[in-house]
Amino acid sequence: QVQLVESGGGSVQSGGSLRLSCAAKGLPIRLSEMGWYRQAPGKQRELVAAITGGGNTNYADSVKGRFTISRDTAKSTVYLQMTSLKPEDTAVYYCNARLGNRWGQGTQVTVSS
């Protein structure tokens, strides 16, 4: 059974950095596009960054130049390195595997000004 387990969320001040991890159990991540989404209170869930099975990446305009998605296929883990964090980045961040449309439980990121 596929399970996505996120970690690395927390609280930081504006300008700080965090790295999120998503461990994919039961799924070789090279076989699936993997994405990070976020949902802020009262807002719809939105795509933050994605990486295809071939390693191509794309980002939401709001995070370009600040966030980097990467993966370690040997560990079946996807990362989201977040720098220059802003209060508007505050949200619950979710990992998604397009193959089978699997979601993790989410991890809270809070950025204070």
N, C-alpha and C. Protein backbone atom coordinates (compact mmCIF):
# COMPACT_ATOMS: atom_id res chain seq x y z
N GLN A 1 0.85 -1.19 0.00
CA GLN A 1 0.00 0.00 0.00
C GLN A 1 0.88 1.24 0.00
N VAL A 2 0.51 2.22 -0.82
CA VAL A 2 1.29 3.45 -0.92
C VAL A 2 0.98 4.36 0.26
N GLN A 3 2.02 4.91 0.83
CA GLN A 3 1.87 5.86 1.94
C GLN A 3 2.89 6.97 1.76
N LEU A 4 2.41 8.20 1.88
CA LEU A 4 3.29 9.37 1.81
C LEU A 4 3.36 9.99 3.20
N VAL A 5 4.57 10.18 3.69
CA VAL A 5 4.75 10.71 5.04
C VAL A 5 5.60 11.96 4.97
N GLU A 6 4.96 13.09 5.30
CA GLU A 6 5.67 14.37 5.28
C GLU A 6 6.30 14.65 6.63
N SER A 7 7.36 15.45 6.59
CA SER A 7 8.01 15.93 7.82
C SER A 7 8.75 17.21 7.49
N GLY A 8 9.14 17.93 8.53
CA GLY A 8 9.97 19.11 8.35
C GLY A 8 9.27 20.43 8.50
N GLY A 9 7.98 20.42 8.73
CA GLY A 9 7.28 21.68 8.93
C GLY A 9 7.66 22.31 10.27
N GLY A 10 7.19 23.52 10.47
CA GLY A 10 7.47 24.20 11.72
C GLY A 10 7.17 25.67 11.62
N SER A 11 7.67 26.40 12.60
CA SER A 11 7.46 27.85 12.66
C SER A 11 8.79 28.57 12.50
N VAL A 12 8.81 29.54 11.61
CA VAL A 12 10.01 30.33 11.38
C VAL A 12 9.63 31.80 11.22
N GLN A 13 10.61 32.65 11.32
CA GLN A 13 10.37 34.07 11.07
C GLN A 13 10.53 34.36 9.59
N SER A 14 9.96 35.46 9.20
CA SER A 14 10.07 35.88 7.81
C SER A 14 11.53 35.96 7.40
N GLY A 15 11.83 35.42 6.20
CA GLY A 15 13.20 35.36 5.72
C GLY A 15 13.91 34.07 6.05
N GLY A 16 13.29 33.25 6.87
CA GLY A 16 13.90 31.99 7.27
C GLY A 16 13.74 30.90 6.23
N SER A 17 14.24 29.72 6.58
CA SER A 17 14.22 28.58 5.67
C SER A 17 13.71 27.34 6.38
N LEU A 18 13.13 26.45 5.59
CA LEU A 18 12.71 25.14 6.07
C LEU A 18 12.89 24.15 4.93
N ARG A 19 13.09 22.89 5.28
CA ARG A 19 13.10 21.85 4.27
C ARG A 19 12.07 20.80 4.64
N LEU A 20 11.15 20.58 3.72
CA LEU A 20 10.14 19.54 3.90
C LEU A 20 10.60 18.26 3.21
N SER A 21 10.22 17.15 3.81
CA SER A 21 10.53 15.85 3.22
C SER A 21 9.24 15.05 3.06
N CYS A 22 9.20 14.25 2.03
CA CYS A 22 8.06 13.36 1.78
C CYS A 22 8.61 11.98 1.46
N ALA A 23 8.46 11.07 2.38
CA ALA A 23 8.91 9.71 2.18
C ALA A 23 7.77 8.90 1.57
N ALA A 24 8.01 8.36 0.40
CA ALA A 24 7.00 7.57 -0.30
C ALA A 24 7.25 6.09 -0.05
N LYS A 25 6.34 5.47 0.67
CA LYS A 25 6.47 4.06 0.97
C LYS A 25 5.59 3.27 0.02
N GLY A 26 6.18 2.27 -0.61
CA GLY A 26 5.41 1.44 -1.53
C GLY A 26 5.28 2.03 -2.92
N LEU A 27 6.06 3.08 -3.21
CA LEU A 27 5.98 3.72 -4.52
C LEU A 27 7.36 4.19 -4.95
N PRO A 28 7.90 3.62 -6.02
CA PRO A 28 9.15 4.15 -6.57
C PRO A 28 8.87 5.50 -7.21
N ILE A 29 9.41 6.57 -6.65
CA ILE A 29 9.00 7.91 -7.06
C ILE A 29 9.42 8.24 -8.48
N ARG A 30 10.36 7.49 -9.05
CA ARG A 30 10.75 7.76 -10.43
C ARG A 30 9.62 7.39 -11.40
N LEU A 31 8.63 6.65 -10.91
CA LEU A 31 7.51 6.23 -11.75
C LEU A 31 6.36 7.23 -11.74
N SER A 32 6.45 8.25 -10.89
CA SER A 32 5.31 9.15 -10.73
C SER A 32 5.75 10.59 -10.66
N GLU A 33 4.93 11.46 -11.21
CA GLU A 33 5.13 12.87 -10.91
C GLU A 33 4.79 13.08 -9.45
N MET A 34 5.63 13.82 -8.75
CA MET A 34 5.43 14.12 -7.34
C MET A 34 5.29 15.62 -7.17
N GLY A 35 4.38 16.01 -6.32
CA GLY A 35 4.15 17.43 -6.14
C GLY A 35 3.99 17.83 -4.68
N TRP A 36 4.27 19.08 -4.44
CA TRP A 36 3.98 19.70 -3.14
C TRP A 36 2.85 20.71 -3.36
N TYR A 37 1.83 20.59 -2.55
CA TYR A 37 0.71 21.50 -2.57
C TYR A 37 0.62 22.18 -1.21
N ARG A 38 -0.12 23.27 -1.16
CA ARG A 38 -0.36 23.90 0.14
C ARG A 38 -1.79 24.44 0.19
N GLN A 39 -2.27 24.53 1.41
CA GLN A 39 -3.60 25.06 1.63
C GLN A 39 -3.58 25.97 2.85
N ALA A 40 -3.88 27.22 2.61
CA ALA A 40 -3.97 28.19 3.69
C ALA A 40 -5.42 28.26 4.16
N PRO A 41 -5.65 28.71 5.39
CA PRO A 41 -7.02 28.80 5.91
C PRO A 41 -7.91 29.63 4.99
N GLY A 42 -9.06 29.06 4.62
CA GLY A 42 -10.01 29.77 3.80
C GLY A 42 -9.67 29.81 2.32
N LYS A 43 -8.61 29.13 1.94
CA LYS A 43 -8.20 29.15 0.53
C LYS A 43 -8.17 27.74 -0.04
N GLN A 44 -8.18 27.67 -1.36
CA GLN A 44 -8.12 26.38 -2.02
C GLN A 44 -6.69 25.84 -1.99
N ARG A 45 -6.61 24.53 -2.07
CA ARG A 45 -5.30 23.91 -2.16
C ARG A 45 -4.67 24.29 -3.50
N GLU A 46 -3.39 24.62 -3.49
CA GLU A 46 -2.71 25.04 -4.70
C GLU A 46 -1.39 24.30 -4.86
N LEU A 47 -1.01 24.11 -6.12
CA LEU A 47 0.27 23.49 -6.43
C LEU A 47 1.39 24.46 -6.14
N VAL A 48 2.39 24.00 -5.43
CA VAL A 48 3.57 24.80 -5.14
C VAL A 48 4.71 24.43 -6.08
N ALA A 49 4.98 23.14 -6.20
CA ALA A 49 6.09 22.68 -7.03
C ALA A 49 5.86 21.22 -7.37
N ALA A 50 6.40 20.80 -8.51
CA ALA A 50 6.26 19.42 -8.93
C ALA A 50 7.52 18.96 -9.65
N ILE A 51 7.74 17.66 -9.60
CA ILE A 51 8.87 17.07 -10.30
C ILE A 51 8.36 15.82 -11.00
N THR A 52 8.65 15.73 -12.29
CA THR A 52 8.16 14.60 -13.07
C THR A 52 9.04 13.37 -12.85
N GLY A 53 8.57 12.24 -13.36
CA GLY A 53 9.37 11.03 -13.28
C GLY A 53 10.73 11.20 -13.95
N GLY A 54 10.77 12.03 -14.99
CA GLY A 54 12.02 12.29 -15.69
C GLY A 54 12.88 13.35 -15.05
N GLY A 55 12.38 13.97 -13.98
CA GLY A 55 13.18 14.94 -13.25
C GLY A 55 12.94 16.39 -13.60
N ASN A 56 11.99 16.65 -14.49
CA ASN A 56 11.68 18.04 -14.82
C ASN A 56 10.86 18.66 -13.69
N THR A 57 11.09 19.94 -13.46
CA THR A 57 10.42 20.62 -12.35
C THR A 57 9.60 21.81 -12.84
N ASN A 58 8.57 22.15 -12.08
CA ASN A 58 7.85 23.38 -12.32
C ASN A 58 7.38 23.95 -10.99
N TYR A 59 7.18 25.24 -10.98
CA TYR A 59 6.89 25.96 -9.74
C TYR A 59 5.76 26.96 -9.93
N ALA A 60 5.05 27.21 -8.86
CA ALA A 60 4.10 28.31 -8.85
C ALA A 60 4.90 29.61 -8.95
N ASP A 61 4.33 30.59 -9.61
CA ASP A 61 5.03 31.87 -9.77
C ASP A 61 5.40 32.48 -8.41
N SER A 62 4.55 32.27 -7.42
CA SER A 62 4.76 32.89 -6.12
C SER A 62 5.97 32.35 -5.37
N VAL A 63 6.50 31.20 -5.79
CA VAL A 63 7.63 30.61 -5.07
C VAL A 63 8.88 30.48 -5.94
N LYS A 64 8.78 30.84 -7.20
CA LYS A 64 9.95 30.72 -8.08
C LYS A 64 11.12 31.52 -7.53
N GLY A 65 12.28 30.90 -7.55
CA GLY A 65 13.47 31.56 -7.04
C GLY A 65 13.66 31.42 -5.55
N ARG A 66 12.64 30.95 -4.84
CA ARG A 66 12.73 30.80 -3.39
C ARG A 66 12.64 29.33 -2.95
N PHE A 67 11.86 28.54 -3.65
CA PHE A 67 11.66 27.13 -3.30
C PHE A 67 12.32 26.25 -4.36
N THR A 68 12.80 25.10 -3.90
CA THR A 68 13.40 24.13 -4.80
C THR A 68 12.89 22.74 -4.46
N ILE A 69 12.35 22.07 -5.46
CA ILE A 69 11.91 20.69 -5.28
C ILE A 69 13.01 19.77 -5.79
N SER A 70 13.25 18.69 -5.07
CA SER A 70 14.26 17.73 -5.48
C SER A 70 13.84 16.35 -4.99
N ARG A 71 14.59 15.35 -5.37
CA ARG A 71 14.24 14.01 -4.94
C ARG A 71 15.49 13.15 -4.80
N ASP A 72 15.35 12.12 -4.01
CA ASP A 72 16.37 11.09 -3.88
C ASP A 72 15.66 9.78 -4.19
N THR A 73 15.85 9.28 -5.40
CA THR A 73 15.10 8.08 -5.80
C THR A 73 15.51 6.86 -5.00
N ALA A 74 16.77 6.81 -4.56
CA ALA A 74 17.23 5.67 -3.76
C ALA A 74 16.49 5.61 -2.42
N LYS A 75 16.17 6.78 -1.88
CA LYS A 75 15.43 6.85 -0.61
C LYS A 75 13.93 7.00 -0.84
N SER A 76 13.52 7.11 -2.10
CA SER A 76 12.12 7.33 -2.44
C SER A 76 11.56 8.51 -1.65
N THR A 77 12.30 9.58 -1.64
CA THR A 77 11.94 10.77 -0.87
C THR A 77 12.01 12.01 -1.76
N VAL A 78 11.03 12.86 -1.59
CA VAL A 78 10.97 14.13 -2.29
C VAL A 78 11.13 15.25 -1.27
N TYR A 79 11.84 16.28 -1.66
CA TYR A 79 12.13 17.39 -0.75
C TYR A 79 11.59 18.70 -1.31
N LEU A 80 11.31 19.61 -0.41
CA LEU A 80 10.98 20.97 -0.80
C LEU A 80 11.82 21.89 0.09
N GLN A 81 12.84 22.47 -0.51
CA GLN A 81 13.67 23.44 0.20
C GLN A 81 13.04 24.81 0.04
N MET A 82 12.71 25.42 1.16
CA MET A 82 12.02 26.71 1.12
C MET A 82 12.93 27.76 1.77
N THR A 83 13.22 28.80 1.03
CA THR A 83 14.06 29.89 1.55
C THR A 83 13.31 31.21 1.41
N SER A 84 13.83 32.23 2.05
CA SER A 84 13.22 33.57 2.00
C SER A 84 11.73 33.48 2.27
N LEU A 85 11.37 32.74 3.29
CA LEU A 85 9.96 32.52 3.57
C LEU A 85 9.25 33.81 3.96
N LYS A 86 7.98 33.88 3.56
CA LYS A 86 7.15 35.04 3.80
C LYS A 86 5.92 34.61 4.60
N PRO A 87 5.30 35.53 5.31
CA PRO A 87 4.08 35.17 6.04
C PRO A 87 3.01 34.55 5.14
N GLU A 88 2.95 34.97 3.89
CA GLU A 88 1.94 34.40 2.98
C GLU A 88 2.25 32.97 2.57
N ASP A 89 3.40 32.46 2.95
CA ASP A 89 3.70 31.04 2.71
C ASP A 89 3.10 30.14 3.80
N THR A 90 2.53 30.75 4.82
CA THR A 90 1.92 29.99 5.90
C THR A 90 0.77 29.14 5.37
N ALA A 91 0.83 27.84 5.62
CA ALA A 91 -0.17 26.92 5.11
C ALA A 91 0.16 25.51 5.61
N VAL A 92 -0.77 24.61 5.36
CA VAL A 92 -0.47 23.19 5.51
C VAL A 92 0.05 22.71 4.16
N TYR A 93 1.19 22.08 4.17
CA TYR A 93 1.82 21.59 2.94
C TYR A 93 1.61 20.09 2.81
N TYR A 94 1.18 19.69 1.62
CA TYR A 94 0.87 18.29 1.35
C TYR A 94 1.73 17.76 0.21
N CYS A 95 2.12 16.53 0.36
CA CYS A 95 2.83 15.82 -0.69
C CYS A 95 1.81 15.02 -1.50
N ASN A 96 2.01 14.98 -2.80
CA ASN A 96 1.09 14.24 -3.69
C ASN A 96 1.87 13.40 -4.67
N ALA A 97 1.37 12.19 -4.87
CA ALA A 97 1.86 11.34 -5.95
C ALA A 97 0.78 11.26 -7.00
N ARG A 98 1.07 11.70 -8.21
CA ARG A 98 0.04 11.69 -9.25
C ARG A 98 -0.42 10.27 -9.55
N LEU A 99 0.50 9.34 -9.54
CA LEU A 99 0.16 7.95 -9.79
C LEU A 99 -0.69 7.44 -8.64
N GLY A 100 -1.94 7.21 -8.92
CA GLY A 100 -2.85 6.77 -7.88
C GLY A 100 -3.44 7.89 -7.06
N ASN A 101 -3.03 9.14 -7.35
CA ASN A 101 -3.52 10.31 -6.64
C ASN A 101 -3.46 10.11 -5.12
N ARG A 102 -2.27 9.89 -4.65
CA ARG A 102 -2.05 9.68 -3.21
C ARG A 102 -1.64 10.99 -2.55
N TRP A 103 -2.09 11.16 -1.30
CA TRP A 103 -1.78 12.37 -0.53
C TRP A 103 -1.19 11.99 0.81
N GLY A 104 -0.29 12.84 1.28
CA GLY A 104 0.20 12.70 2.63
C GLY A 104 -0.75 13.37 3.61
N GLN A 105 -0.39 13.32 4.88
CA GLN A 105 -1.26 13.86 5.92
C GLN A 105 -1.11 15.36 6.09
N GLY A 106 -0.07 15.93 5.53
CA GLY A 106 0.15 17.36 5.62
C GLY A 106 1.07 17.74 6.76
N THR A 107 1.79 18.83 6.57
CA THR A 107 2.65 19.36 7.61
C THR A 107 2.51 20.88 7.64
N GLN A 108 2.39 21.42 8.83
CA GLN A 108 2.12 22.85 8.99
C GLN A 108 3.40 23.66 8.87
N VAL A 109 3.31 24.71 8.08
CA VAL A 109 4.40 25.70 7.98
C VAL A 109 3.81 27.05 8.38
N THR A 110 4.43 27.68 9.37
CA THR A 110 3.97 28.97 9.85
C THR A 110 5.13 29.96 9.79
N VAL A 111 4.90 31.06 9.10
CA VAL A 111 5.94 32.09 8.96
C VAL A 111 5.43 33.37 9.61
N SER A 112 6.15 33.84 10.58
CA SER A 112 5.74 35.05 11.29
C SER A 112 6.55 36.24 10.81
N SER A 113 5.91 37.39 10.86
CA SER A 113 6.57 38.61 10.38
C SER A 113 7.38 39.27 11.47
